Structure formats: C-alpha cells, structure tokens
Amino acid sequence: MQTQANENYLKAIYFLSQENIDVSITELSKKMEVSKPTVNNMVKKMQEKGWLYYEKYKPIKLTVKGKRLGA
C-alpha cells in the first residue's frame, strides 16, 4: 500500500534522478527536509516493497515499479 509519505519520497527520488544527480541519503534528506536516519528508515521500507534498490554508500536507484509510481 502506498502512503502519501511513500509517494513524496518516490517523487523526490524520481526528480533528483532526472536531474542527473546521484541520489544519496544525504541528497534525499535535503530534498525532503528531514533527518538522514528518517530517510534511511524509509528507504529500507521502500526497498522491501520492491520500489528501489539501495546499498550502503551507493546511490539509490528506483526499480521499474518505483519509477512508474514516482512519475
């Protein structure tokens, strides 16, 4: 189930990636105006749902499903 918060994160990741920015936890926390631990928790939850790929110290990448939801 997609919540408003999930939708906002997906949109932010989508738009940052469209601007050729490597989407990191730091960049996403700046865009969302929340703390890094908050972003980290949300990213992990979204990865479990299959909406994105995330490895520590690597850019966040949306899956096909995540791109569709974020666009």
C-alpha atoms as a PDB file:
ATOM      1  CA  MET A   1       0.000   0.000   0.000  1.00  0.00           C
ATOM      2  CA  GLN A   2       1.325   3.398  -0.972  1.00  0.00           C
ATOM      3  CA  THR A   3       1.004   6.224   1.550  1.00  0.00           C
ATOM      4  CA  GLN A   4       1.383   9.953   0.968  1.00  0.00           C
ATOM      5  CA  ALA A   5       4.857   9.830   2.529  1.00  0.00           C
ATOM      6  CA  ASN A   6       5.903   6.969   0.226  1.00  0.00           C
ATOM      7  CA  GLU A   7       4.594   8.881  -2.761  1.00  0.00           C
ATOM      8  CA  ASN A   8       6.523  12.003  -1.744  1.00  0.00           C
ATOM      9  CA  TYR A   9       9.760  10.052  -1.374  1.00  0.00           C
ATOM     10  CA  LEU A  10       9.273   8.311  -4.727  1.00  0.00           C
ATOM     11  CA  LYS A  11       8.626  11.638  -6.459  1.00  0.00           C
ATOM     12  CA  ALA A  12      11.694  13.214  -4.852  1.00  0.00           C
ATOM     13  CA  ILE A  13      13.940  10.302  -5.863  1.00  0.00           C
ATOM     14  CA  TYR A  14      12.473  10.315  -9.370  1.00  0.00           C
ATOM     15  CA  PHE A  15      13.032  14.047  -9.904  1.00  0.00           C
ATOM     16  CA  LEU A  16      16.531  14.019  -8.408  1.00  0.00           C
ATOM     17  CA  SER A  17      17.487  11.141 -10.693  1.00  0.00           C
ATOM     18  CA  GLN A  18      16.060  13.005 -13.702  1.00  0.00           C
ATOM     19  CA  GLU A  19      18.379  15.913 -12.891  1.00  0.00           C
ATOM     20  CA  ASN A  20      21.370  13.529 -13.218  1.00  0.00           C
ATOM     21  CA  ILE A  21      22.038  13.705  -9.506  1.00  0.00           C
ATOM     22  CA  ASP A  22      23.259  10.562  -7.744  1.00  0.00           C
ATOM     23  CA  VAL A  23      20.503  10.160  -5.202  1.00  0.00           C
ATOM     24  CA  SER A  24      22.109   9.568  -1.823  1.00  0.00           C
ATOM     25  CA  ILE A  25      20.595   9.518   1.638  1.00  0.00           C
ATOM     26  CA  THR A  26      22.102  12.986   2.148  1.00  0.00           C
ATOM     27  CA  GLU A  27      20.626  14.445  -1.067  1.00  0.00           C
ATOM     28  CA  LEU A  28      17.240  12.929  -0.332  1.00  0.00           C
ATOM     29  CA  SER A  29      17.248  14.232   3.246  1.00  0.00           C
ATOM     30  CA  LYS A  30      17.979  17.746   1.937  1.00  0.00           C
ATOM     31  CA  LYS A  31      15.202  17.493  -0.654  1.00  0.00           C
ATOM     32  CA  MET A  32      12.667  16.128   1.849  1.00  0.00           C
ATOM     33  CA  GLU A  33      13.869  18.404   4.672  1.00  0.00           C
ATOM     34  CA  VAL A  34      14.088  15.537   7.170  1.00  0.00           C
ATOM     35  CA  SER A  35      16.941  13.874   9.031  1.00  0.00           C
ATOM     36  CA  LYS A  36      19.193  11.234   7.469  1.00  0.00           C
ATOM     37  CA  PRO A  37      18.044   8.481   9.888  1.00  0.00           C
ATOM     38  CA  THR A  38      14.428   9.181   8.906  1.00  0.00           C
ATOM     39  CA  VAL A  39      15.304   8.879   5.210  1.00  0.00           C
ATOM     40  CA  ASN A  40      17.349   5.760   5.842  1.00  0.00           C
ATOM     41  CA  ASN A  41      14.413   4.036   7.595  1.00  0.00           C
ATOM     42  CA  MET A  42      12.001   4.978   4.808  1.00  0.00           C
ATOM     43  CA  VAL A  43      14.388   3.854   2.062  1.00  0.00           C
ATOM     44  CA  LYS A  44      14.775   0.456   3.731  1.00  0.00           C
ATOM     45  CA  LYS A  45      10.990   0.045   3.940  1.00  0.00           C
ATOM     46  CA  MET A  46      10.590   1.050   0.304  1.00  0.00           C
ATOM     47  CA  GLN A  47      13.287  -1.397  -0.753  1.00  0.00           C
ATOM     48  CA  GLU A  48      11.367  -4.196   0.990  1.00  0.00           C
ATOM     49  CA  LYS A  49       8.337  -3.260  -1.126  1.00  0.00           C
ATOM     50  CA  GLY A  50      10.408  -3.551  -4.299  1.00  0.00           C
ATOM     51  CA  TRP A  51      10.273   0.125  -5.230  1.00  0.00           C
ATOM     52  CA  LEU A  52      14.002   0.837  -5.174  1.00  0.00           C
ATOM     53  CA  TYR A  53      17.494  -0.583  -4.844  1.00  0.00           C
ATOM     54  CA  TYR A  54      19.722   0.642  -2.040  1.00  0.00           C
ATOM     55  CA  GLU A  55      23.172  -0.402  -0.884  1.00  0.00           C
ATOM     56  CA  LYS A  56      25.060   1.452   1.810  1.00  0.00           C
ATOM     57  CA  TYR A  57      27.304   4.194   0.360  1.00  0.00           C
ATOM     58  CA  LYS A  58      25.839   3.770  -3.142  1.00  0.00           C
ATOM     59  CA  PRO A  59      23.233   5.855  -4.979  1.00  0.00           C
ATOM     60  CA  ILE A  60      19.558   4.999  -4.580  1.00  0.00           C
ATOM     61  CA  LYS A  61      18.037   3.598  -7.774  1.00  0.00           C
ATOM     62  CA  LEU A  62      14.325   3.198  -8.492  1.00  0.00           C
ATOM     63  CA  THR A  63      13.017  -0.096  -9.830  1.00  0.00           C
ATOM     64  CA  VAL A  64      10.678  -0.114 -12.817  1.00  0.00           C
ATOM     65  CA  LYS A  65       7.758  -0.282 -10.402  1.00  0.00           C
ATOM     66  CA  GLY A  66       9.219   2.604  -8.361  1.00  0.00           C
ATOM     67  CA  LYS A  67       9.701   4.742 -11.472  1.00  0.00           C
ATOM     68  CA  ARG A  68       6.117   4.147 -12.508  1.00  0.00           C
ATOM     69  CA  LEU A  69       4.835   5.170  -9.080  1.00  0.00           C
ATOM     70  CA  GLY A  70       7.153   8.185  -8.834  1.00  0.00           C
ATOM     71  CA  ALA A  71       6.468   9.607 -12.293  1.00  0.00           C
END
